[in-house]
Amino acid sequence: MTYYFNNVYINEKYSLLSSTKFKPIVVSNSDKVMDDYYFNEKSIELAESKYQETTIKGLMLKSKKVAKEINLLINSDLQNQVLASSLASSKFKIPSCTIYSACASFIEGLIIGANIIDNKSTNIIVTVSGHNLVSEKQFRFPVEYGAIRKMVNTCTLSGSISVLLSNEKSNIKLESGTFGYVTQTNHKDANDMGSAMAPSCAEVIHDHLENTGRDYKYYDLILTGDLGVYGTKIMKMYYKKKYKVELNNVVDSGSIIYGEDNIYAGGSGPLCLPITLFDYILEIKKYKKILVVGTGSLHSVISSNQCVPMPGVSHAVSLEVLG
C-alpha cells in the first residue's frame, strides 16, 4: 500500500556513530563519534539505550525544541522486546510508539509519522539504534566466543540516529511511502540475512513503482538498506527474472558503508540505511529524487535454532531534495 504526503518534511537530524575497529565512510559527517562500545555504562545493552537518549537530546537541542513541543517519539532497535528503545523513551516525557521491522524500522517509522503529520500539525521524532556486540550476542554468537565468521556475514553498525518530522518546510520532503509485505523463502542461515531480505526488497520496489505509475528511472537513486554485497546481487537477479527489468540505479547502504575495507559482506543494522542517507548520500548533493528502501530480516534466535525459514520485510519512502 502506498501513501502520498502533502506537507511532510524532515527538518533536522542528529547522528551518533561508534567508530572503533572499523571506520565507516560517514564518520566525518556524523554529529557525534565515540570509541567506546560501553559508553560508560555497565552493559552493552544499556549502552545502546544511551545511544538513543543521546541522539534524541542532541536532536532537540539542534532543532531548538523541548520535550513538550514533541508530540510523539517513534523508535526501534534490535534487542529483545526492543528494550533499548523502551529504556530511552522512559527518559523523556514524550508519548511513545515503539515499533519493530528489524532493520527496516526507520522507514516504517517515517511512514507512520508522515501519515500522522499529514492529518494533524505536529512534531515527531523517529529514532533507531544498533549495537554490534548486542546483535552478535543475540542473533549469532557473542564476539568473545571467537566463532569463525562467514563471508556472507555483515557487520552491524553501532550508534543511533534521530530525525525530526513536521509540516515545517525544509529541503527534504517526504513525497510518498509504501509498506511492503512479508516474504519467505526456504532460507534458514542467520549468518546470511541479505538473502532472506532480497525478495521483499524487490517486491516493495516493484509495488511502489506500480502504485505510483513510475518507471525506476524516475528516481536518481534507489538506496536500499543492508542487503550487503551478496543480498544486493540476489535482489537484482530476482527483480530481473520476475519483472524483466534490470535495476541499474540501486546502491545498497550496507555494501558501501565501510568503503573499500573488506568487512565480509558489508554493514547492517537499523542504523545502516539512515546514517548512510543523511551523513553520506545527502552530503554529496547530487540526487534530487531518492527512493529509500529499508530492509529487515524478521528471524529470532529461537527461530534460527529451530531452523525456521527467515521472513523478510521491506518498506520504501520517496524523498525529494528541494533547492
C-alpha atoms as a PDB file:
ATOM      1  CA  MET A   1       0.000   0.000   0.000  1.00  0.00           C
ATOM      2  CA  THR A   2       1.326   3.450  -0.971  1.00  0.00           C
ATOM      3  CA  TYR A   3       0.522   6.678   0.869  1.00  0.00           C
ATOM      4  CA  TYR A   4       1.045  10.167  -0.546  1.00  0.00           C
ATOM      5  CA  PHE A   5       2.071  13.020   1.732  1.00  0.00           C
ATOM      6  CA  ASN A   6       1.159  16.630   1.039  1.00  0.00           C
ATOM      7  CA  ASN A   7       3.121  18.529   3.617  1.00  0.00           C
ATOM      8  CA  VAL A   8       5.713  16.420   5.474  1.00  0.00           C
ATOM      9  CA  TYR A   9       9.376  17.355   5.803  1.00  0.00           C
ATOM     10  CA  ILE A  10      12.500  16.183   7.613  1.00  0.00           C
ATOM     11  CA  ASN A  11      13.695  19.274   9.444  1.00  0.00           C
ATOM     12  CA  GLU A  12      16.797  18.069  11.245  1.00  0.00           C
ATOM     13  CA  LYS A  13      18.853  15.010  12.171  1.00  0.00           C
ATOM     14  CA  TYR A  14      21.332  14.070  14.879  1.00  0.00           C
ATOM     15  CA  SER A  15      23.590  11.054  14.442  1.00  0.00           C
ATOM     16  CA  LEU A  16      25.914   9.216  16.795  1.00  0.00           C
ATOM     17  CA  LEU A  17      28.349   6.634  15.492  1.00  0.00           C
ATOM     18  CA  SER A  18      30.678   4.247  17.241  1.00  0.00           C
ATOM     19  CA  SER A  19      33.929   4.034  15.313  1.00  0.00           C
ATOM     20  CA  THR A  20      36.188   1.514  16.968  1.00  0.00           C
ATOM     21  CA  LYS A  21      37.755  -1.283  14.931  1.00  0.00           C
ATOM     22  CA  PHE A  22      36.141  -0.435  11.575  1.00  0.00           C
ATOM     23  CA  LYS A  23      35.828   3.049  10.074  1.00  0.00           C
ATOM     24  CA  PRO A  24      32.551   3.726   8.209  1.00  0.00           C
ATOM     25  CA  ILE A  25      32.712   6.304   5.432  1.00  0.00           C
ATOM     26  CA  VAL A  26      30.234   8.561   7.252  1.00  0.00           C
ATOM     27  CA  VAL A  27      32.444   9.229  10.288  1.00  0.00           C
ATOM     28  CA  SER A  28      33.419  12.769   9.266  1.00  0.00           C
ATOM     29  CA  ASN A  29      29.786  13.882   8.853  1.00  0.00           C
ATOM     30  CA  SER A  30      28.278  12.354  12.000  1.00  0.00           C
ATOM     31  CA  ASP A  31      27.257  14.745  14.773  1.00  0.00           C
ATOM     32  CA  LYS A  32      29.000  12.685  17.441  1.00  0.00           C
ATOM     33  CA  VAL A  33      31.595   9.926  17.170  1.00  0.00           C
ATOM     34  CA  MET A  34      32.702   7.745  20.057  1.00  0.00           C
ATOM     35  CA  ASP A  35      35.264   4.999  20.537  1.00  0.00           C
ATOM     36  CA  ASP A  36      33.689   3.164  23.480  1.00  0.00           C
ATOM     37  CA  TYR A  37      31.217   0.324  22.921  1.00  0.00           C
ATOM     38  CA  TYR A  38      30.087   0.612  26.546  1.00  0.00           C
ATOM     39  CA  PHE A  39      29.543   4.381  26.500  1.00  0.00           C
ATOM     40  CA  ASN A  40      30.396   4.467  30.240  1.00  0.00           C
ATOM     41  CA  GLU A  41      27.532   2.067  31.016  1.00  0.00           C
ATOM     42  CA  LYS A  42      27.642  -1.313  32.798  1.00  0.00           C
ATOM     43  CA  SER A  43      26.490  -3.341  29.800  1.00  0.00           C
ATOM     44  CA  ILE A  44      26.332  -3.093  26.031  1.00  0.00           C
ATOM     45  CA  GLU A  45      22.532  -3.265  26.199  1.00  0.00           C
ATOM     46  CA  LEU A  46      22.391  -0.181  28.419  1.00  0.00           C
ATOM     47  CA  ALA A  47      24.940   1.493  26.162  1.00  0.00           C
ATOM     48  CA  GLU A  48      22.618   1.157  23.173  1.00  0.00           C
ATOM     49  CA  SER A  49      19.783   2.724  25.151  1.00  0.00           C
ATOM     50  CA  LYS A  50      22.095   5.628  25.947  1.00  0.00           C
ATOM     51  CA  TYR A  51      22.853   5.924  22.216  1.00  0.00           C
ATOM     52  CA  GLN A  52      19.189   6.694  21.598  1.00  0.00           C
ATOM     53  CA  GLU A  53      18.912   9.000  24.586  1.00  0.00           C
ATOM     54  CA  THR A  54      21.930  10.954  23.322  1.00  0.00           C
ATOM     55  CA  THR A  55      20.621  11.431  19.775  1.00  0.00           C
ATOM     56  CA  ILE A  56      17.126  12.394  20.940  1.00  0.00           C
ATOM     57  CA  LYS A  57      18.587  15.034  23.280  1.00  0.00           C
ATOM     58  CA  GLY A  58      21.012  16.149  20.576  1.00  0.00           C
ATOM     59  CA  LEU A  59      18.213  16.466  18.026  1.00  0.00           C
ATOM     60  CA  MET A  60      16.026  18.560  20.329  1.00  0.00           C
ATOM     61  CA  LEU A  61      18.950  20.844  21.148  1.00  0.00           C
ATOM     62  CA  LYS A  62      19.923  21.152  17.476  1.00  0.00           C
ATOM     63  CA  SER A  63      16.334  21.909  16.405  1.00  0.00           C
ATOM     64  CA  LYS A  64      15.680  24.165  19.427  1.00  0.00           C
ATOM     65  CA  LYS A  65      12.787  22.042  20.669  1.00  0.00           C
ATOM     66  CA  VAL A  66      11.848  20.976  24.190  1.00  0.00           C
ATOM     67  CA  ALA A  67      10.047  17.777  25.154  1.00  0.00           C
ATOM     68  CA  LYS A  68       6.605  19.397  25.439  1.00  0.00           C
ATOM     69  CA  GLU A  69       6.873  20.517  21.801  1.00  0.00           C
ATOM     70  CA  ILE A  70       7.357  16.921  20.600  1.00  0.00           C
ATOM     71  CA  ASN A  71       4.035  15.158  20.141  1.00  0.00           C
ATOM     72  CA  LEU A  72       5.337  11.641  19.531  1.00  0.00           C
ATOM     73  CA  LEU A  73       8.542   9.603  19.688  1.00  0.00           C
ATOM     74  CA  ILE A  74       8.728   6.627  17.311  1.00  0.00           C
ATOM     75  CA  ASN A  75      11.748   4.453  17.990  1.00  0.00           C
ATOM     76  CA  SER A  76      13.170   0.976  17.439  1.00  0.00           C
ATOM     77  CA  ASP A  77      16.174  -1.292  17.951  1.00  0.00           C
ATOM     78  CA  LEU A  78      17.091  -4.982  17.647  1.00  0.00           C
ATOM     79  CA  GLN A  79      17.148  -6.005  21.305  1.00  0.00           C
ATOM     80  CA  ASN A  80      14.613  -8.457  22.707  1.00  0.00           C
ATOM     81  CA  GLN A  81      11.321  -6.631  23.286  1.00  0.00           C
ATOM     82  CA  VAL A  82      13.027  -3.507  21.832  1.00  0.00           C
ATOM     83  CA  LEU A  83      14.408  -2.843  25.302  1.00  0.00           C
ATOM     84  CA  ALA A  84      16.863  -0.128  24.265  1.00  0.00           C
ATOM     85  CA  SER A  85      14.006   1.935  22.839  1.00  0.00           C
ATOM     86  CA  SER A  86      11.793   1.476  25.895  1.00  0.00           C
ATOM     87  CA  LEU A  87      14.551   2.495  28.295  1.00  0.00           C
ATOM     88  CA  ALA A  88      15.405   5.519  26.167  1.00  0.00           C
ATOM     89  CA  SER A  89      11.742   6.542  25.936  1.00  0.00           C
ATOM     90  CA  SER A  90      11.459   6.469  29.732  1.00  0.00           C
ATOM     91  CA  LYS A  91      13.948   9.344  29.922  1.00  0.00           C
ATOM     92  CA  PHE A  92      11.560  11.741  28.177  1.00  0.00           C
ATOM     93  CA  LYS A  93       8.035  12.898  28.940  1.00  0.00           C
ATOM     94  CA  ILE A  94       7.016  12.332  25.316  1.00  0.00           C
ATOM     95  CA  PRO A  95       4.255   9.962  24.116  1.00  0.00           C
ATOM     96  CA  SER A  96       5.996   6.866  22.794  1.00  0.00           C
ATOM     97  CA  CYS A  97       5.305   4.464  19.907  1.00  0.00           C
ATOM     98  CA  THR A  98       7.917   1.711  19.793  1.00  0.00           C
ATOM     99  CA  ILE A  99       7.887  -0.302  16.565  1.00  0.00           C
ATOM    100  CA  TYR A 100       9.711  -3.260  15.025  1.00  0.00           C
ATOM    101  CA  SER A 101      10.504  -4.197  11.435  1.00  0.00           C
ATOM    102  CA  ALA A 102      14.098  -5.171  12.243  1.00  0.00           C
ATOM    103  CA  CYS A 103      16.472  -3.162  10.038  1.00  0.00           C
ATOM    104  CA  ALA A 104      13.533  -1.699   8.081  1.00  0.00           C
ATOM    105  CA  SER A 105      12.214   0.056  11.202  1.00  0.00           C
ATOM    106  CA  PHE A 106      13.470   3.538  10.307  1.00  0.00           C
ATOM    107  CA  ILE A 107      11.477   3.613   7.077  1.00  0.00           C
ATOM    108  CA  GLU A 108       8.452   2.144   8.861  1.00  0.00           C
ATOM    109  CA  GLY A 109       8.735   4.939  11.414  1.00  0.00           C
ATOM    110  CA  LEU A 110       8.918   7.604   8.698  1.00  0.00           C
ATOM    111  CA  ILE A 111       5.745   6.310   7.017  1.00  0.00           C
ATOM    112  CA  ILE A 112       3.831   6.126  10.305  1.00  0.00           C
ATOM    113  CA  GLY A 113       4.996   9.574  11.357  1.00  0.00           C
ATOM    114  CA  ALA A 114       4.291  11.134   7.968  1.00  0.00           C
ATOM    115  CA  ASN A 115       0.726   9.791   7.967  1.00  0.00           C
ATOM    116  CA  ILE A 116       0.089  11.335  11.372  1.00  0.00           C
ATOM    117  CA  ILE A 117       1.597  14.684  10.393  1.00  0.00           C
ATOM    118  CA  ASP A 118      -0.335  14.778   7.129  1.00  0.00           C
ATOM    119  CA  ASN A 119      -3.576  14.679   9.122  1.00  0.00           C
ATOM    120  CA  LYS A 120      -2.535  16.885  12.023  1.00  0.00           C
ATOM    121  CA  SER A 121       0.103  19.543  12.505  1.00  0.00           C
ATOM    122  CA  THR A 122       2.594  18.028  14.904  1.00  0.00           C
ATOM    123  CA  ASN A 123       6.287  17.350  15.644  1.00  0.00           C
ATOM    124  CA  ILE A 124       7.514  13.756  15.609  1.00  0.00           C
ATOM    125  CA  ILE A 125      10.933  12.262  16.332  1.00  0.00           C
ATOM    126  CA  VAL A 126      11.919   8.994  14.624  1.00  0.00           C
ATOM    127  CA  THR A 127      14.862   7.188  16.253  1.00  0.00           C
ATOM    128  CA  VAL A 128      16.684   3.913  15.628  1.00  0.00           C
ATOM    129  CA  SER A 129      19.837   2.383  17.050  1.00  0.00           C
ATOM    130  CA  GLY A 130      22.117  -0.621  16.703  1.00  0.00           C
ATOM    131  CA  HIS A 131      25.000  -2.197  18.603  1.00  0.00           C
ATOM    132  CA  ASN A 132      27.420  -4.641  17.047  1.00  0.00           C
ATOM    133  CA  LEU A 133      28.105  -6.589  20.230  1.00  0.00           C
ATOM    134  CA  VAL A 134      24.426  -6.779  21.198  1.00  0.00           C
ATOM    135  CA  SER A 135      23.378  -8.061  17.780  1.00  0.00           C
ATOM    136  CA  GLU A 136      26.149 -10.638  17.593  1.00  0.00           C
ATOM    137  CA  LYS A 137      25.271 -11.960  21.062  1.00  0.00           C
ATOM    138  CA  GLN A 138      21.540 -12.040  20.364  1.00  0.00           C
ATOM    139  CA  PHE A 139      21.407 -13.410  16.821  1.00  0.00           C
ATOM    140  CA  ARG A 140      24.624 -15.415  16.409  1.00  0.00           C
ATOM    141  CA  PHE A 141      27.437 -15.856  18.953  1.00  0.00           C
ATOM    142  CA  PRO A 142      28.963 -13.420  21.464  1.00  0.00           C
ATOM    143  CA  VAL A 143      32.120 -11.908  19.975  1.00  0.00           C
ATOM    144  CA  GLU A 144      34.106 -13.253  22.920  1.00  0.00           C
ATOM    145  CA  TYR A 145      33.153 -16.787  21.861  1.00  0.00           C
ATOM    146  CA  GLY A 146      35.532 -16.495  18.927  1.00  0.00           C
ATOM    147  CA  ALA A 147      33.247 -18.134  16.350  1.00  0.00           C
ATOM    148  CA  ILE A 148      34.563 -18.056  12.793  1.00  0.00           C
ATOM    149  CA  ARG A 149      32.534 -15.667  10.677  1.00  0.00           C
ATOM    150  CA  LYS A 150      31.388 -16.459   7.146  1.00  0.00           C
ATOM    151  CA  MET A 151      31.928 -14.211   4.141  1.00  0.00           C
ATOM    152  CA  VAL A 152      28.154 -13.662   3.912  1.00  0.00           C
ATOM    153  CA  ASN A 153      28.139 -12.126   7.402  1.00  0.00           C
ATOM    154  CA  THR A 154      27.577  -8.397   7.736  1.00  0.00           C
ATOM    155  CA  CYS A 155      28.900  -6.110  10.469  1.00  0.00           C
ATOM    156  CA  THR A 156      26.233  -4.284  12.488  1.00  0.00           C
ATOM    157  CA  LEU A 157      26.858  -0.561  12.907  1.00  0.00           C
ATOM    158  CA  SER A 158      26.850   0.764  16.460  1.00  0.00           C
ATOM    159  CA  GLY A 159      25.178   4.064  17.229  1.00  0.00           C
ATOM    160  CA  SER A 160      21.879   5.856  16.768  1.00  0.00           C
ATOM    161  CA  ILE A 161      20.167   8.474  14.636  1.00  0.00           C
ATOM    162  CA  SER A 162      17.161  10.679  15.345  1.00  0.00           C
ATOM    163  CA  VAL A 163      15.284  12.848  12.847  1.00  0.00           C
ATOM    164  CA  LEU A 164      12.581  15.468  13.322  1.00  0.00           C
ATOM    165  CA  LEU A 165       9.474  15.276  11.138  1.00  0.00           C
ATOM    166  CA  SER A 166       6.959  18.122  10.859  1.00  0.00           C
ATOM    167  CA  ASN A 167       4.960  20.147   8.352  1.00  0.00           C
ATOM    168  CA  GLU A 168       7.508  22.968   8.586  1.00  0.00           C
ATOM    169  CA  LYS A 169       9.043  23.256   5.130  1.00  0.00           C
ATOM    170  CA  SER A 170      12.661  22.214   4.674  1.00  0.00           C
ATOM    171  CA  ASN A 171      14.805  20.968   1.792  1.00  0.00           C
ATOM    172  CA  ILE A 172      13.925  17.280   2.412  1.00  0.00           C
ATOM    173  CA  LYS A 173      10.334  16.378   1.608  1.00  0.00           C
ATOM    174  CA  LEU A 174       8.638  13.020   2.138  1.00  0.00           C
ATOM    175  CA  GLU A 175       6.579  12.597  -1.027  1.00  0.00           C
ATOM    176  CA  SER A 176       5.170   9.112  -0.534  1.00  0.00           C
ATOM    177  CA  GLY A 177       5.684   5.849   1.289  1.00  0.00           C
ATOM    178  CA  THR A 178       4.959   2.201   0.581  1.00  0.00           C
ATOM    179  CA  PHE A 179       4.545  -0.557   3.145  1.00  0.00           C
ATOM    180  CA  GLY A 180       5.867  -3.880   1.890  1.00  0.00           C
ATOM    181  CA  TYR A 181       4.608  -7.335   2.730  1.00  0.00           C
ATOM    182  CA  VAL A 182       6.465 -10.124   4.461  1.00  0.00           C
ATOM    183  CA  THR A 183       8.118 -12.632   2.147  1.00  0.00           C
ATOM    184  CA  GLN A 184       9.546 -16.036   2.989  1.00  0.00           C
ATOM    185  CA  THR A 185      11.689 -18.444   1.040  1.00  0.00           C
ATOM    186  CA  ASN A 186      13.313 -21.553   2.437  1.00  0.00           C
ATOM    187  CA  HIS A 187      16.384 -19.592   3.533  1.00  0.00           C
ATOM    188  CA  LYS A 188      17.430 -20.500   7.106  1.00  0.00           C
ATOM    189  CA  ASP A 189      21.033 -19.283   7.540  1.00  0.00           C
ATOM    190  CA  ALA A 190      21.093 -16.450  10.102  1.00  0.00           C
ATOM    191  CA  ASN A 191      24.649 -15.643   9.007  1.00  0.00           C
ATOM    192  CA  ASP A 192      23.259 -14.517   5.647  1.00  0.00           C
ATOM    193  CA  MET A 193      20.450 -12.027   6.232  1.00  0.00           C
ATOM    194  CA  GLY A 194      20.842 -10.365   2.825  1.00  0.00           C
ATOM    195  CA  SER A 195      19.494 -13.423   1.021  1.00  0.00           C
ATOM    196  CA  ALA A 196      16.475 -13.516   3.333  1.00  0.00           C
ATOM    197  CA  MET A 197      15.636  -9.847   2.717  1.00  0.00           C
ATOM    198  CA  ALA A 198      16.295  -9.676  -1.034  1.00  0.00           C
ATOM    199  CA  PRO A 199      12.855 -10.858  -2.253  1.00  0.00           C
ATOM    200  CA  SER A 200      10.941  -8.425  -0.016  1.00  0.00           C
ATOM    201  CA  CYS A 201      13.173  -5.579  -1.214  1.00  0.00           C
ATOM    202  CA  ALA A 202      12.488  -6.375  -4.858  1.00  0.00           C
ATOM    203  CA  GLU A 203       8.761  -6.682  -4.221  1.00  0.00           C
ATOM    204  CA  VAL A 204       8.363  -3.346  -2.406  1.00  0.00           C
ATOM    205  CA  ILE A 205      10.305  -1.547  -5.149  1.00  0.00           C
ATOM    206  CA  HIS A 206       8.003  -3.087  -7.748  1.00  0.00           C
ATOM    207  CA  ASP A 207       4.865  -2.328  -5.731  1.00  0.00           C
ATOM    208  CA  HIS A 208       5.908   1.289  -5.206  1.00  0.00           C
ATOM    209  CA  LEU A 209       6.623   1.830  -8.897  1.00  0.00           C
ATOM    210  CA  GLU A 210       3.416   0.099  -9.937  1.00  0.00           C
ATOM    211  CA  ASN A 211       1.277   2.001  -7.410  1.00  0.00           C
ATOM    212  CA  THR A 212       2.741   5.361  -8.427  1.00  0.00           C
ATOM    213  CA  GLY A 213       2.847   4.621 -12.161  1.00  0.00           C
ATOM    214  CA  ARG A 214       6.553   5.390 -12.287  1.00  0.00           C
ATOM    215  CA  ASP A 215       9.498   3.860 -14.086  1.00  0.00           C
ATOM    216  CA  TYR A 216      12.521   3.089 -11.926  1.00  0.00           C
ATOM    217  CA  LYS A 217      14.401   5.773 -13.879  1.00  0.00           C
ATOM    218  CA  TYR A 218      12.113   8.374 -12.264  1.00  0.00           C
ATOM    219  CA  TYR A 219      14.483   8.159  -9.310  1.00  0.00           C
ATOM    220  CA  ASP A 220      18.031   9.437  -9.448  1.00  0.00           C
ATOM    221  CA  LEU A 221      18.876   6.787  -6.875  1.00  0.00           C
ATOM    222  CA  ILE A 222      17.271   3.769  -5.224  1.00  0.00           C
ATOM    223  CA  LEU A 223      19.033   3.418  -1.871  1.00  0.00           C
ATOM    224  CA  THR A 224      18.496   0.085  -0.144  1.00  0.00           C
ATOM    225  CA  GLY A 225      19.191  -0.753   3.479  1.00  0.00           C
ATOM    226  CA  ASP A 226      21.550  -3.554   4.392  1.00  0.00           C
ATOM    227  CA  LEU A 227      21.303  -6.317   1.822  1.00  0.00           C
ATOM    228  CA  GLY A 228      25.076  -6.456   1.698  1.00  0.00           C
ATOM    229  CA  VAL A 229      27.167  -7.421  -1.304  1.00  0.00           C
ATOM    230  CA  TYR A 230      25.545 -10.801  -1.897  1.00  0.00           C
ATOM    231  CA  GLY A 231      21.983  -9.831  -0.990  1.00  0.00           C
ATOM    232  CA  THR A 232      22.105  -6.932  -3.456  1.00  0.00           C
ATOM    233  CA  LYS A 233      23.150  -9.253  -6.293  1.00  0.00           C
ATOM    234  CA  ILE A 234      20.329 -11.645  -5.423  1.00  0.00           C
ATOM    235  CA  MET A 235      17.769  -8.823  -5.278  1.00  0.00           C
ATOM    236  CA  LYS A 236      18.739  -7.526  -8.714  1.00  0.00           C
ATOM    237  CA  MET A 237      18.698 -11.025 -10.200  1.00  0.00           C
ATOM    238  CA  TYR A 238      15.293 -11.696  -8.622  1.00  0.00           C
ATOM    239  CA  TYR A 239      13.875  -8.429  -9.994  1.00  0.00           C
ATOM    240  CA  LYS A 240      15.242  -9.018 -13.485  1.00  0.00           C
ATOM    241  CA  LYS A 241      13.969 -12.595 -13.634  1.00  0.00           C
ATOM    242  CA  LYS A 242      10.484 -11.823 -12.316  1.00  0.00           C
ATOM    243  CA  TYR A 243       9.830  -8.338 -13.751  1.00  0.00           C
ATOM    244  CA  LYS A 244      12.140  -8.348 -16.802  1.00  0.00           C
ATOM    245  CA  VAL A 245      13.798  -5.108 -15.726  1.00  0.00           C
ATOM    246  CA  GLU A 246      17.431  -4.524 -14.805  1.00  0.00           C
ATOM    247  CA  LEU A 247      17.685  -2.006 -11.978  1.00  0.00           C
ATOM    248  CA  ASN A 248      20.862  -0.020 -12.672  1.00  0.00           C
ATOM    249  CA  ASN A 249      20.391   2.845 -10.209  1.00  0.00           C
ATOM    250  CA  VAL A 250      20.422   0.796  -6.986  1.00  0.00           C
ATOM    251  CA  VAL A 251      23.023   1.448  -4.286  1.00  0.00           C
ATOM    252  CA  ASP A 252      22.967  -0.596  -1.081  1.00  0.00           C
ATOM    253  CA  SER A 253      23.931   1.184   2.126  1.00  0.00           C
ATOM    254  CA  GLY A 254      25.423  -1.949   3.639  1.00  0.00           C
ATOM    255  CA  SER A 255      27.581  -2.530   0.573  1.00  0.00           C
ATOM    256  CA  ILE A 256      29.181   0.938   0.661  1.00  0.00           C
ATOM    257  CA  ILE A 257      29.199   1.964   4.336  1.00  0.00           C
ATOM    258  CA  TYR A 258      32.698   0.628   5.003  1.00  0.00           C
ATOM    259  CA  GLY A 259      34.155   1.991   1.786  1.00  0.00           C
ATOM    260  CA  GLU A 260      36.984  -0.099   0.394  1.00  0.00           C
ATOM    261  CA  ASP A 261      37.517  -2.060   3.614  1.00  0.00           C
ATOM    262  CA  ASN A 262      36.687  -5.739   3.216  1.00  0.00           C
ATOM    263  CA  ILE A 263      34.245  -6.189   6.094  1.00  0.00           C
ATOM    264  CA  TYR A 264      32.826  -9.511   4.907  1.00  0.00           C
ATOM    265  CA  ALA A 265      29.544  -8.738   3.078  1.00  0.00           C
ATOM    266  CA  GLY A 266      29.299  -5.136   4.342  1.00  0.00           C
ATOM    267  CA  GLY A 267      27.375  -3.306   7.043  1.00  0.00           C
ATOM    268  CA  SER A 268      23.968  -3.925   8.581  1.00  0.00           C
ATOM    269  CA  GLY A 269      21.580  -2.896  11.337  1.00  0.00           C
ATOM    270  CA  PRO A 270      18.767  -0.313  11.741  1.00  0.00           C
ATOM    271  CA  LEU A 271      21.352   2.494  11.708  1.00  0.00           C
ATOM    272  CA  CYS A 272      22.990   1.475   8.424  1.00  0.00           C
ATOM    273  CA  LEU A 273      20.457   2.967   5.995  1.00  0.00           C
ATOM    274  CA  PRO A 274      19.591   6.286   7.685  1.00  0.00           C
ATOM    275  CA  ILE A 275      23.156   7.195   8.601  1.00  0.00           C
ATOM    276  CA  THR A 276      24.312   6.429   5.042  1.00  0.00           C
ATOM    277  CA  LEU A 277      21.448   8.550   3.710  1.00  0.00           C
ATOM    278  CA  PHE A 278      21.908  11.601   5.926  1.00  0.00           C
ATOM    279  CA  ASP A 279      25.650  11.584   6.566  1.00  0.00           C
ATOM    280  CA  TYR A 280      26.812  10.488   3.124  1.00  0.00           C
ATOM    281  CA  ILE A 281      24.300  10.432   0.247  1.00  0.00           C
ATOM    282  CA  LEU A 282      22.629  13.767   1.019  1.00  0.00           C
ATOM    283  CA  GLU A 283      26.020  15.346   1.711  1.00  0.00           C
ATOM    284  CA  ILE A 284      27.026  14.618  -1.897  1.00  0.00           C
ATOM    285  CA  LYS A 285      24.247  16.998  -3.054  1.00  0.00           C
ATOM    286  CA  LYS A 286      23.837  15.054  -6.285  1.00  0.00           C
ATOM    287  CA  TYR A 287      20.447  13.351  -6.048  1.00  0.00           C
ATOM    288  CA  LYS A 288      17.070  15.108  -6.155  1.00  0.00           C
ATOM    289  CA  LYS A 289      14.663  12.163  -6.145  1.00  0.00           C
ATOM    290  CA  ILE A 290      15.575   9.210  -3.969  1.00  0.00           C
ATOM    291  CA  LEU A 291      13.638   6.029  -3.241  1.00  0.00           C
ATOM    292  CA  VAL A 292      14.837   4.849   0.160  1.00  0.00           C
ATOM    293  CA  VAL A 293      14.143   1.176   0.894  1.00  0.00           C
ATOM    294  CA  GLY A 294      14.564  -0.240   4.383  1.00  0.00           C
ATOM    295  CA  THR A 295      15.204  -3.998   4.534  1.00  0.00           C
ATOM    296  CA  GLY A 296      14.596  -6.222   7.538  1.00  0.00           C
ATOM    297  CA  SER A 297      15.057  -9.881   8.467  1.00  0.00           C
ATOM    298  CA  LEU A 298      12.385 -10.897  10.986  1.00  0.00           C
ATOM    299  CA  HIS A 299      14.013 -14.030  12.386  1.00  0.00           C
ATOM    300  CA  SER A 300      14.819 -14.538  16.041  1.00  0.00           C
ATOM    301  CA  VAL A 301      17.487 -16.564  17.795  1.00  0.00           C
ATOM    302  CA  ILE A 302      14.821 -19.138  18.690  1.00  0.00           C
ATOM    303  CA  SER A 303      13.519 -19.446  15.132  1.00  0.00           C
ATOM    304  CA  SER A 304      17.073 -19.817  13.834  1.00  0.00           C
ATOM    305  CA  ASN A 305      17.865 -22.560  16.343  1.00  0.00           C
ATOM    306  CA  GLN A 306      14.669 -24.339  15.287  1.00  0.00           C
ATOM    307  CA  CYS A 307      15.640 -23.982  11.594  1.00  0.00           C
ATOM    308  CA  VAL A 308      12.510 -21.987  10.769  1.00  0.00           C
ATOM    309  CA  PRO A 309      12.733 -20.157   7.395  1.00  0.00           C
ATOM    310  CA  MET A 310      13.641 -16.480   7.807  1.00  0.00           C
ATOM    311  CA  PRO A 311      10.871 -13.977   6.917  1.00  0.00           C
ATOM    312  CA  GLY A 312      11.908 -10.685   5.314  1.00  0.00           C
ATOM    313  CA  VAL A 313      10.147  -7.325   5.070  1.00  0.00           C
ATOM    314  CA  SER A 314      10.962  -4.053   3.307  1.00  0.00           C
ATOM    315  CA  HIS A 315       9.361  -0.601   3.271  1.00  0.00           C
ATOM    316  CA  ALA A 316      10.053   2.350   0.974  1.00  0.00           C
ATOM    317  CA  VAL A 317       9.777   6.148   1.087  1.00  0.00           C
ATOM    318  CA  SER A 318      10.158   8.626  -1.745  1.00  0.00           C
ATOM    319  CA  LEU A 319      12.275  11.645  -0.821  1.00  0.00           C
ATOM    320  CA  GLU A 320      12.507  14.883  -2.784  1.00  0.00           C
ATOM    321  CA  VAL A 321      15.549  17.074  -2.135  1.00  0.00           C
ATOM    322  CA  LEU A 322      14.463  20.652  -2.737  1.00  0.00           C
ATOM    323  CA  GLY A 323      16.602  23.647  -3.621  1.00  0.00           C
END
